[in-house]
Amino acid sequence: MRYTTLGQYYDADSVIHRLDPRVKLVFTIVYIVSLYLGNSPFCYIFAGLFLAVVIRLSKVPVRYMLRGLKAVIFLLLFTAFFNIFLSQGDVVFQWGFITITRQGIETAVRMAVRLVLLIMGSSLMTLTTTPNDLTDGLEKGLGFLKVFHVPVHEIGMMMSIALRFIPILVEEAGRIMMAQKARGADFDSGGLIKKAKAMIPLLIPLFVAAFRRANDLAQAMEARCYHGGNGRTKLHPLKYRRLDFIAYGVLLLYLALMIVLKIVTKS
């Protein structure tokens, strides 16, 4: 859990950090959609190279980005396992009831690469955007929904708080785990079932701590006379700059090239 990077902010002076949060929100959405546009290796290679360039520009260490993947390694293995052993197709290996097919291996690799790129692309948005900027970007970007009486400000605030709570709860879980180990708890030995049972002493105080922090946050917001987004003004209103329009142009070019790659590789 200590390897989780989603929801954390990495302070740096980079081009990506200076971008408008709305640009980074659109980038994340477009990038996730682009990963599902093409299934060929060329599409994934191009998407990976594009993400590598953006990470380089963000000045976020690559090792820091890769460290966040350790938190989802079980999900990657779980997805790959089911795709390899439960897919129908040309048999590559068979032993008893265990059957591995070529289509299963290809699907497992494709899903693993897609999931890695998706997690790294999504983490980059939170690593380069403060929770306050993320809230302002969501509220400003979804402002047109106010016509339909959608509480845009409240939705943005909830998403921002949820993302901000992820690293806090991870840190809290680490402290509770260290305290439980000091009292003789064993989280490492035994099989999968034993390890799952050993997590119970960790989950209960973690839930209690989460509710306590949520209650403290609610009381703090009430003490500061917070009553939603009606009539609220911004200290630093969001305004598009030249750099943001250039970023939009690069993003459109990337999406166009992905569509072209999909058409070419499909034909």
C-alpha atoms as a PDB file:
ATOM      1  CA  MET A   1       0.000   0.000   0.000  1.00  0.00           C
ATOM      2  CA  ARG A   2       2.908   2.357   0.604  1.00  0.00           C
ATOM      3  CA  TYR A   3       3.641   2.282  -3.135  1.00  0.00           C
ATOM      4  CA  THR A   4       0.359   3.974  -4.069  1.00  0.00           C
ATOM      5  CA  THR A   5       0.942   7.172  -6.078  1.00  0.00           C
ATOM      6  CA  LEU A   6      -2.644   7.883  -7.150  1.00  0.00           C
ATOM      7  CA  GLY A   7      -3.916  10.987  -5.364  1.00  0.00           C
ATOM      8  CA  GLN A   8      -0.447  12.225  -4.403  1.00  0.00           C
ATOM      9  CA  TYR A   9       1.043  15.486  -5.663  1.00  0.00           C
ATOM     10  CA  TYR A  10       4.666  15.718  -6.793  1.00  0.00           C
ATOM     11  CA  ASP A  11       5.871  19.297  -6.513  1.00  0.00           C
ATOM     12  CA  ALA A  12       8.019  20.383  -9.466  1.00  0.00           C
ATOM     13  CA  ASP A  13       8.402  23.293 -11.868  1.00  0.00           C
ATOM     14  CA  SER A  14       7.548  21.803 -15.253  1.00  0.00           C
ATOM     15  CA  VAL A  15       5.517  22.532 -18.345  1.00  0.00           C
ATOM     16  CA  ILE A  16       2.927  19.930 -17.350  1.00  0.00           C
ATOM     17  CA  HIS A  17       2.546  21.395 -13.852  1.00  0.00           C
ATOM     18  CA  ARG A  18       1.877  24.850 -15.343  1.00  0.00           C
ATOM     19  CA  LEU A  19      -0.873  23.614 -17.645  1.00  0.00           C
ATOM     20  CA  ASP A  20      -4.492  24.482 -16.885  1.00  0.00           C
ATOM     21  CA  PRO A  21      -6.108  21.629 -14.891  1.00  0.00           C
ATOM     22  CA  ARG A  22      -8.851  21.423 -17.527  1.00  0.00           C
ATOM     23  CA  VAL A  23      -6.214  20.556 -20.129  1.00  0.00           C
ATOM     24  CA  LYS A  24      -4.896  17.749 -17.933  1.00  0.00           C
ATOM     25  CA  LEU A  25      -8.418  16.433 -17.314  1.00  0.00           C
ATOM     26  CA  VAL A  26      -9.093  16.351 -21.063  1.00  0.00           C
ATOM     27  CA  PHE A  27      -5.694  14.741 -21.642  1.00  0.00           C
ATOM     28  CA  THR A  28      -6.481  11.960 -19.165  1.00  0.00           C
ATOM     29  CA  ILE A  29      -9.889  11.257 -20.713  1.00  0.00           C
ATOM     30  CA  VAL A  30      -8.563  11.322 -24.291  1.00  0.00           C
ATOM     31  CA  TYR A  31      -5.588   9.136 -23.384  1.00  0.00           C
ATOM     32  CA  ILE A  32      -7.786   6.527 -21.709  1.00  0.00           C
ATOM     33  CA  VAL A  33     -10.120   6.492 -24.732  1.00  0.00           C
ATOM     34  CA  SER A  34      -7.153   6.184 -27.117  1.00  0.00           C
ATOM     35  CA  LEU A  35      -5.968   3.033 -25.344  1.00  0.00           C
ATOM     36  CA  TYR A  36      -9.203   1.339 -26.378  1.00  0.00           C
ATOM     37  CA  LEU A  37      -9.134   2.593 -29.969  1.00  0.00           C
ATOM     38  CA  GLY A  38      -6.470   0.241 -31.270  1.00  0.00           C
ATOM     39  CA  ASN A  39      -5.425  -3.260 -30.283  1.00  0.00           C
ATOM     40  CA  SER A  40      -2.275  -3.537 -32.388  1.00  0.00           C
ATOM     41  CA  PRO A  41       1.232  -3.466 -30.879  1.00  0.00           C
ATOM     42  CA  PHE A  42       2.018  -0.320 -32.894  1.00  0.00           C
ATOM     43  CA  CYS A  43      -0.816   1.575 -31.176  1.00  0.00           C
ATOM     44  CA  TYR A  44       0.418   0.582 -27.725  1.00  0.00           C
ATOM     45  CA  ILE A  45       4.021   1.439 -28.599  1.00  0.00           C
ATOM     46  CA  PHE A  46       2.952   4.868 -29.842  1.00  0.00           C
ATOM     47  CA  ALA A  47       0.789   5.453 -26.746  1.00  0.00           C
ATOM     48  CA  GLY A  48       3.685   4.390 -24.509  1.00  0.00           C
ATOM     49  CA  LEU A  49       6.160   6.694 -26.278  1.00  0.00           C
ATOM     50  CA  PHE A  50       3.736   9.614 -26.035  1.00  0.00           C
ATOM     51  CA  LEU A  51       3.247   8.998 -22.313  1.00  0.00           C
ATOM     52  CA  ALA A  52       7.037   8.703 -21.816  1.00  0.00           C
ATOM     53  CA  VAL A  53       7.540  12.128 -23.421  1.00  0.00           C
ATOM     54  CA  VAL A  54       4.841  13.673 -21.205  1.00  0.00           C
ATOM     55  CA  ILE A  55       6.387  12.096 -18.083  1.00  0.00           C
ATOM     56  CA  ARG A  56       9.769  13.479 -19.134  1.00  0.00           C
ATOM     57  CA  LEU A  57       8.275  16.963 -19.511  1.00  0.00           C
ATOM     58  CA  SER A  58       6.553  16.683 -16.120  1.00  0.00           C
ATOM     59  CA  LYS A  59       9.916  16.125 -14.341  1.00  0.00           C
ATOM     60  CA  VAL A  60       8.315  13.332 -12.302  1.00  0.00           C
ATOM     61  CA  PRO A  61      10.939  10.590 -11.835  1.00  0.00           C
ATOM     62  CA  VAL A  62      10.197   7.466 -13.877  1.00  0.00           C
ATOM     63  CA  ARG A  63      11.105   5.319 -10.871  1.00  0.00           C
ATOM     64  CA  TYR A  64       8.455   7.155  -8.873  1.00  0.00           C
ATOM     65  CA  MET A  65       5.862   6.411 -11.571  1.00  0.00           C
ATOM     66  CA  LEU A  66       6.857   2.745 -11.791  1.00  0.00           C
ATOM     67  CA  ARG A  67       6.716   2.423  -8.010  1.00  0.00           C
ATOM     68  CA  GLY A  68       2.985   3.120  -8.188  1.00  0.00           C
ATOM     69  CA  LEU A  69       2.522  -0.034 -10.273  1.00  0.00           C
ATOM     70  CA  LYS A  70       3.609  -2.214  -7.347  1.00  0.00           C
ATOM     71  CA  ALA A  71       0.297  -1.451  -5.642  1.00  0.00           C
ATOM     72  CA  VAL A  72      -1.651  -3.036  -8.534  1.00  0.00           C
ATOM     73  CA  ILE A  73       0.662  -5.944  -9.332  1.00  0.00           C
ATOM     74  CA  PHE A  74      -1.907  -8.384  -7.928  1.00  0.00           C
ATOM     75  CA  LEU A  75      -4.593  -6.938 -10.219  1.00  0.00           C
ATOM     76  CA  LEU A  76      -2.267  -7.308 -13.211  1.00  0.00           C
ATOM     77  CA  LEU A  77      -1.485 -10.939 -12.362  1.00  0.00           C
ATOM     78  CA  PHE A  78      -5.145 -11.693 -11.661  1.00  0.00           C
ATOM     79  CA  THR A  79      -6.231 -10.259 -15.033  1.00  0.00           C
ATOM     80  CA  ALA A  80      -3.444 -12.043 -16.906  1.00  0.00           C
ATOM     81  CA  PHE A  81      -4.222 -15.362 -15.202  1.00  0.00           C
ATOM     82  CA  PHE A  82      -7.878 -15.394 -16.248  1.00  0.00           C
ATOM     83  CA  ASN A  83      -7.101 -14.293 -19.799  1.00  0.00           C
ATOM     84  CA  ILE A  84      -4.411 -16.949 -20.278  1.00  0.00           C
ATOM     85  CA  PHE A  85      -6.287 -19.946 -18.870  1.00  0.00           C
ATOM     86  CA  LEU A  86      -9.900 -19.126 -19.766  1.00  0.00           C
ATOM     87  CA  SER A  87      -9.613 -17.943 -23.372  1.00  0.00           C
ATOM     88  CA  GLN A  88     -10.572 -20.164 -26.281  1.00  0.00           C
ATOM     89  CA  GLY A  89      -8.421 -20.530 -29.392  1.00  0.00           C
ATOM     90  CA  ASP A  90      -5.343 -22.287 -30.760  1.00  0.00           C
ATOM     91  CA  VAL A  91      -3.873 -24.538 -28.068  1.00  0.00           C
ATOM     92  CA  VAL A  92      -0.221 -23.836 -27.241  1.00  0.00           C
ATOM     93  CA  PHE A  93       0.119 -25.942 -24.086  1.00  0.00           C
ATOM     94  CA  GLN A  94      -2.190 -28.459 -22.451  1.00  0.00           C
ATOM     95  CA  TRP A  95      -1.727 -30.506 -19.308  1.00  0.00           C
ATOM     96  CA  GLY A  96      -4.778 -32.146 -17.821  1.00  0.00           C
ATOM     97  CA  PHE A  97      -7.512 -29.569 -17.452  1.00  0.00           C
ATOM     98  CA  ILE A  98      -5.028 -26.684 -17.880  1.00  0.00           C
ATOM     99  CA  THR A  99      -5.108 -25.248 -21.389  1.00  0.00           C
ATOM    100  CA  ILE A 100      -3.151 -22.231 -22.660  1.00  0.00           C
ATOM    101  CA  THR A 101      -4.063 -20.733 -26.012  1.00  0.00           C
ATOM    102  CA  ARG A 102      -2.285 -18.281 -28.281  1.00  0.00           C
ATOM    103  CA  GLN A 103      -5.277 -15.935 -28.180  1.00  0.00           C
ATOM    104  CA  GLY A 104      -5.236 -16.080 -24.368  1.00  0.00           C
ATOM    105  CA  ILE A 105      -1.578 -15.064 -24.200  1.00  0.00           C
ATOM    106  CA  GLU A 106      -2.124 -12.216 -26.663  1.00  0.00           C
ATOM    107  CA  THR A 107      -5.165 -10.970 -24.726  1.00  0.00           C
ATOM    108  CA  ALA A 108      -3.303 -11.177 -21.399  1.00  0.00           C
ATOM    109  CA  VAL A 109      -0.349  -9.177 -22.714  1.00  0.00           C
ATOM    110  CA  ARG A 110      -2.655  -6.641 -24.365  1.00  0.00           C
ATOM    111  CA  MET A 111      -4.720  -6.151 -21.194  1.00  0.00           C
ATOM    112  CA  ALA A 112      -1.605  -5.880 -18.986  1.00  0.00           C
ATOM    113  CA  VAL A 113       0.002  -3.228 -21.203  1.00  0.00           C
ATOM    114  CA  ARG A 114      -3.257  -1.316 -21.450  1.00  0.00           C
ATOM    115  CA  LEU A 115      -3.755  -1.395 -17.683  1.00  0.00           C
ATOM    116  CA  VAL A 116      -0.180  -0.222 -17.003  1.00  0.00           C
ATOM    117  CA  LEU A 117      -0.503   2.702 -19.423  1.00  0.00           C
ATOM    118  CA  LEU A 118      -3.936   3.574 -18.043  1.00  0.00           C
ATOM    119  CA  ILE A 119      -2.728   3.670 -14.435  1.00  0.00           C
ATOM    120  CA  MET A 120       0.386   5.676 -15.263  1.00  0.00           C
ATOM    121  CA  GLY A 121      -1.562   8.155 -17.403  1.00  0.00           C
ATOM    122  CA  SER A 122      -4.182   8.650 -14.702  1.00  0.00           C
ATOM    123  CA  SER A 123      -1.580   8.990 -11.944  1.00  0.00           C
ATOM    124  CA  LEU A 124       0.225  11.679 -13.921  1.00  0.00           C
ATOM    125  CA  MET A 125      -2.806  13.978 -13.638  1.00  0.00           C
ATOM    126  CA  THR A 126      -2.889  13.823  -9.827  1.00  0.00           C
ATOM    127  CA  LEU A 127       0.912  13.958  -9.535  1.00  0.00           C
ATOM    128  CA  THR A 128       1.042  17.255 -11.443  1.00  0.00           C
ATOM    129  CA  THR A 129      -2.196  18.859 -10.171  1.00  0.00           C
ATOM    130  CA  THR A 130      -2.962  20.020  -6.640  1.00  0.00           C
ATOM    131  CA  PRO A 131      -6.345  19.002  -5.146  1.00  0.00           C
ATOM    132  CA  ASN A 132      -7.536  22.636  -5.223  1.00  0.00           C
ATOM    133  CA  ASP A 133      -6.634  23.039  -8.905  1.00  0.00           C
ATOM    134  CA  LEU A 134      -8.285  19.722  -9.676  1.00  0.00           C
ATOM    135  CA  THR A 135     -11.508  20.871  -7.994  1.00  0.00           C
ATOM    136  CA  ASP A 136     -11.437  24.171  -9.881  1.00  0.00           C
ATOM    137  CA  GLY A 137     -10.766  22.371 -13.151  1.00  0.00           C
ATOM    138  CA  LEU A 138     -13.661  19.956 -12.662  1.00  0.00           C
ATOM    139  CA  GLU A 139     -16.027  22.751 -11.689  1.00  0.00           C
ATOM    140  CA  LYS A 140     -14.985  24.983 -14.582  1.00  0.00           C
ATOM    141  CA  GLY A 141     -14.848  22.189 -17.149  1.00  0.00           C
ATOM    142  CA  LEU A 142     -18.271  20.805 -16.217  1.00  0.00           C
ATOM    143  CA  GLY A 143     -19.821  24.230 -15.691  1.00  0.00           C
ATOM    144  CA  PHE A 144     -22.238  23.730 -18.592  1.00  0.00           C
ATOM    145  CA  LEU A 145     -24.042  21.076 -16.521  1.00  0.00           C
ATOM    146  CA  LYS A 146     -25.277  23.775 -14.139  1.00  0.00           C
ATOM    147  CA  VAL A 147     -27.961  24.515 -16.719  1.00  0.00           C
ATOM    148  CA  PHE A 148     -29.403  21.089 -15.893  1.00  0.00           C
ATOM    149  CA  HIS A 149     -29.149  21.827 -12.133  1.00  0.00           C
ATOM    150  CA  VAL A 150     -26.241  19.421 -11.664  1.00  0.00           C
ATOM    151  CA  PRO A 151     -24.245  20.281  -8.483  1.00  0.00           C
ATOM    152  CA  VAL A 152     -20.932  20.587 -10.330  1.00  0.00           C
ATOM    153  CA  HIS A 153     -19.051  22.233  -7.462  1.00  0.00           C
ATOM    154  CA  GLU A 154     -20.104  19.547  -4.976  1.00  0.00           C
ATOM    155  CA  ILE A 155     -19.156  16.768  -7.402  1.00  0.00           C
ATOM    156  CA  GLY A 156     -15.727  18.299  -7.975  1.00  0.00           C
ATOM    157  CA  MET A 157     -15.226  18.770  -4.250  1.00  0.00           C
ATOM    158  CA  MET A 158     -16.132  15.144  -3.505  1.00  0.00           C
ATOM    159  CA  MET A 159     -13.778  13.799  -6.180  1.00  0.00           C
ATOM    160  CA  SER A 160     -10.964  16.039  -4.970  1.00  0.00           C
ATOM    161  CA  ILE A 161     -11.446  14.971  -1.344  1.00  0.00           C
ATOM    162  CA  ALA A 162     -11.620  11.299  -2.368  1.00  0.00           C
ATOM    163  CA  LEU A 163      -8.333  11.551  -4.289  1.00  0.00           C
ATOM    164  CA  ARG A 164      -6.710  13.464  -1.440  1.00  0.00           C
ATOM    165  CA  PHE A 165      -7.800  10.830   1.075  1.00  0.00           C
ATOM    166  CA  ILE A 166      -6.051   7.991  -0.802  1.00  0.00           C
ATOM    167  CA  PRO A 167      -2.463   8.835   0.273  1.00  0.00           C
ATOM    168  CA  ILE A 168      -3.696   9.817   3.753  1.00  0.00           C
ATOM    169  CA  LEU A 169      -5.383   6.452   4.273  1.00  0.00           C
ATOM    170  CA  VAL A 170      -2.362   4.624   2.842  1.00  0.00           C
ATOM    171  CA  GLU A 171      -0.147   6.405   5.356  1.00  0.00           C
ATOM    172  CA  GLU A 172      -2.631   5.635   8.132  1.00  0.00           C
ATOM    173  CA  ALA A 173      -2.687   1.951   7.117  1.00  0.00           C
ATOM    174  CA  GLY A 174       1.106   1.851   7.289  1.00  0.00           C
ATOM    175  CA  ARG A 175       1.099   3.244  10.820  1.00  0.00           C
ATOM    176  CA  ILE A 176      -1.583   0.794  11.955  1.00  0.00           C
ATOM    177  CA  MET A 177       0.308  -2.118  10.394  1.00  0.00           C
ATOM    178  CA  MET A 178       3.524  -1.127  12.192  1.00  0.00           C
ATOM    179  CA  ALA A 179       1.611  -0.847  15.488  1.00  0.00           C
ATOM    180  CA  GLN A 180      -0.012  -4.262  14.964  1.00  0.00           C
ATOM    181  CA  LYS A 181       3.360  -5.844  14.137  1.00  0.00           C
ATOM    182  CA  ALA A 182       4.785  -4.365  17.337  1.00  0.00           C
ATOM    183  CA  ARG A 183       1.974  -6.170  19.188  1.00  0.00           C
ATOM    184  CA  GLY A 184       2.883  -9.500  17.582  1.00  0.00           C
ATOM    185  CA  ALA A 185       0.647  -9.513  14.485  1.00  0.00           C
ATOM    186  CA  ASP A 186       1.966 -11.498  11.502  1.00  0.00           C
ATOM    187  CA  PHE A 187       0.975 -10.238   8.021  1.00  0.00           C
ATOM    188  CA  ASP A 188       3.614 -12.067   5.948  1.00  0.00           C
ATOM    189  CA  SER A 189       3.607 -15.781   6.755  1.00  0.00           C
ATOM    190  CA  GLY A 190       1.006 -18.380   5.800  1.00  0.00           C
ATOM    191  CA  GLY A 191      -1.167 -18.900   2.770  1.00  0.00           C
ATOM    192  CA  LEU A 192      -3.600 -16.563   1.051  1.00  0.00           C
ATOM    193  CA  ILE A 193      -6.495 -17.321   3.436  1.00  0.00           C
ATOM    194  CA  LYS A 194      -4.331 -16.807   6.517  1.00  0.00           C
ATOM    195  CA  LYS A 195      -3.026 -13.505   5.165  1.00  0.00           C
ATOM    196  CA  ALA A 196      -6.606 -12.370   4.453  1.00  0.00           C
ATOM    197  CA  LYS A 197      -7.647 -13.183   8.019  1.00  0.00           C
ATOM    198  CA  ALA A 198      -4.594 -11.335   9.349  1.00  0.00           C
ATOM    199  CA  MET A 199      -5.815  -8.167   7.581  1.00  0.00           C
ATOM    200  CA  ILE A 200      -8.938  -7.962   9.782  1.00  0.00           C
ATOM    201  CA  PRO A 201      -7.088  -6.303  12.706  1.00  0.00           C
ATOM    202  CA  LEU A 202      -5.835  -3.759  10.153  1.00  0.00           C
ATOM    203  CA  LEU A 203      -9.126  -3.010   8.386  1.00  0.00           C
ATOM    204  CA  ILE A 204     -11.241  -2.292  11.459  1.00  0.00           C
ATOM    205  CA  PRO A 205      -9.045   0.519  12.895  1.00  0.00           C
ATOM    206  CA  LEU A 206      -8.510   1.812   9.346  1.00  0.00           C
ATOM    207  CA  PHE A 207     -12.274   2.217   8.849  1.00  0.00           C
ATOM    208  CA  VAL A 208     -12.565   3.887  12.262  1.00  0.00           C
ATOM    209  CA  ALA A 209      -9.749   6.295  11.372  1.00  0.00           C
ATOM    210  CA  ALA A 210     -11.343   7.053   7.992  1.00  0.00           C
ATOM    211  CA  PHE A 211     -14.707   7.932   9.550  1.00  0.00           C
ATOM    212  CA  ARG A 212     -12.971  10.024  12.206  1.00  0.00           C
ATOM    213  CA  ARG A 213     -11.049  11.996   9.588  1.00  0.00           C
ATOM    214  CA  ALA A 214     -14.220  12.478   7.531  1.00  0.00           C
ATOM    215  CA  ASN A 215     -16.049  13.797  10.590  1.00  0.00           C
ATOM    216  CA  ASP A 216     -13.171  16.168  11.433  1.00  0.00           C
ATOM    217  CA  LEU A 217     -13.145  17.446   7.855  1.00  0.00           C
ATOM    218  CA  ALA A 218     -16.919  18.035   7.888  1.00  0.00           C
ATOM    219  CA  GLN A 219     -16.697  19.962  11.158  1.00  0.00           C
ATOM    220  CA  ALA A 220     -13.785  22.050   9.830  1.00  0.00           C
ATOM    221  CA  MET A 221     -15.754  22.946   6.689  1.00  0.00           C
ATOM    222  CA  GLU A 222     -18.798  23.901   8.750  1.00  0.00           C
ATOM    223  CA  ALA A 223     -16.631  26.002  11.105  1.00  0.00           C
ATOM    224  CA  ARG A 224     -15.398  27.931   8.047  1.00  0.00           C
ATOM    225  CA  CYS A 225     -19.003  28.557   6.916  1.00  0.00           C
ATOM    226  CA  TYR A 226     -18.778  26.351   3.841  1.00  0.00           C
ATOM    227  CA  HIS A 227     -22.197  26.101   2.174  1.00  0.00           C
ATOM    228  CA  GLY A 228     -21.473  24.815  -1.315  1.00  0.00           C
ATOM    229  CA  GLY A 229     -20.485  26.618  -4.477  1.00  0.00           C
ATOM    230  CA  ASN A 230     -23.300  29.162  -4.729  1.00  0.00           C
ATOM    231  CA  GLY A 231     -21.903  32.689  -4.681  1.00  0.00           C
ATOM    232  CA  ARG A 232     -18.303  31.580  -4.153  1.00  0.00           C
ATOM    233  CA  THR A 233     -15.509  33.418  -5.945  1.00  0.00           C
ATOM    234  CA  LYS A 234     -12.012  32.244  -6.874  1.00  0.00           C
ATOM    235  CA  LEU A 235      -8.769  33.765  -5.655  1.00  0.00           C
ATOM    236  CA  HIS A 236      -7.057  32.627  -8.863  1.00  0.00           C
ATOM    237  CA  PRO A 237      -9.668  32.217 -11.652  1.00  0.00           C
ATOM    238  CA  LEU A 238      -8.711  29.734 -14.355  1.00  0.00           C
ATOM    239  CA  LYS A 239      -7.781  31.280 -17.700  1.00  0.00           C
ATOM    240  CA  TYR A 240      -6.459  29.571 -20.796  1.00  0.00           C
ATOM    241  CA  ARG A 241      -3.006  30.659 -21.922  1.00  0.00           C
ATOM    242  CA  ARG A 242      -1.020  30.106 -25.079  1.00  0.00           C
ATOM    243  CA  LEU A 243       0.648  27.037 -23.584  1.00  0.00           C
ATOM    244  CA  ASP A 244      -2.759  25.441 -22.964  1.00  0.00           C
ATOM    245  CA  PHE A 245      -3.856  25.872 -26.582  1.00  0.00           C
ATOM    246  CA  ILE A 246      -0.563  24.367 -27.771  1.00  0.00           C
ATOM    247  CA  ALA A 247      -1.197  21.395 -25.480  1.00  0.00           C
ATOM    248  CA  TYR A 248      -4.690  20.973 -26.946  1.00  0.00           C
ATOM    249  CA  GLY A 249      -3.162  20.978 -30.433  1.00  0.00           C
ATOM    250  CA  VAL A 250      -0.619  18.307 -29.479  1.00  0.00           C
ATOM    251  CA  LEU A 251      -3.392  16.224 -27.920  1.00  0.00           C
ATOM    252  CA  LEU A 252      -5.530  16.441 -31.074  1.00  0.00           C
ATOM    253  CA  LEU A 253      -2.510  15.455 -33.180  1.00  0.00           C
ATOM    254  CA  TYR A 254      -1.884  12.455 -30.923  1.00  0.00           C
ATOM    255  CA  LEU A 255      -5.519  11.339 -31.167  1.00  0.00           C
ATOM    256  CA  ALA A 256      -5.500  11.738 -34.973  1.00  0.00           C
ATOM    257  CA  LEU A 257      -2.321   9.656 -35.275  1.00  0.00           C
ATOM    258  CA  MET A 258      -3.819   6.957 -33.066  1.00  0.00           C
ATOM    259  CA  ILE A 259      -6.891   6.773 -35.306  1.00  0.00           C
ATOM    260  CA  VAL A 260      -4.671   6.568 -38.384  1.00  0.00           C
ATOM    261  CA  LEU A 261      -2.590   3.794 -36.803  1.00  0.00           C
ATOM    262  CA  LYS A 262      -5.750   1.872 -35.996  1.00  0.00           C
ATOM    263  CA  ILE A 263      -7.008   2.130 -39.586  1.00  0.00           C
ATOM    264  CA  VAL A 264      -3.631   1.217 -41.112  1.00  0.00           C
ATOM    265  CA  THR A 265      -2.958  -1.760 -38.836  1.00  0.00           C
ATOM    266  CA  LYS A 266      -6.529  -3.024 -39.213  1.00  0.00           C
ATOM    267  CA  SER A 267      -6.350  -2.971 -42.989  1.00  0.00           C
END
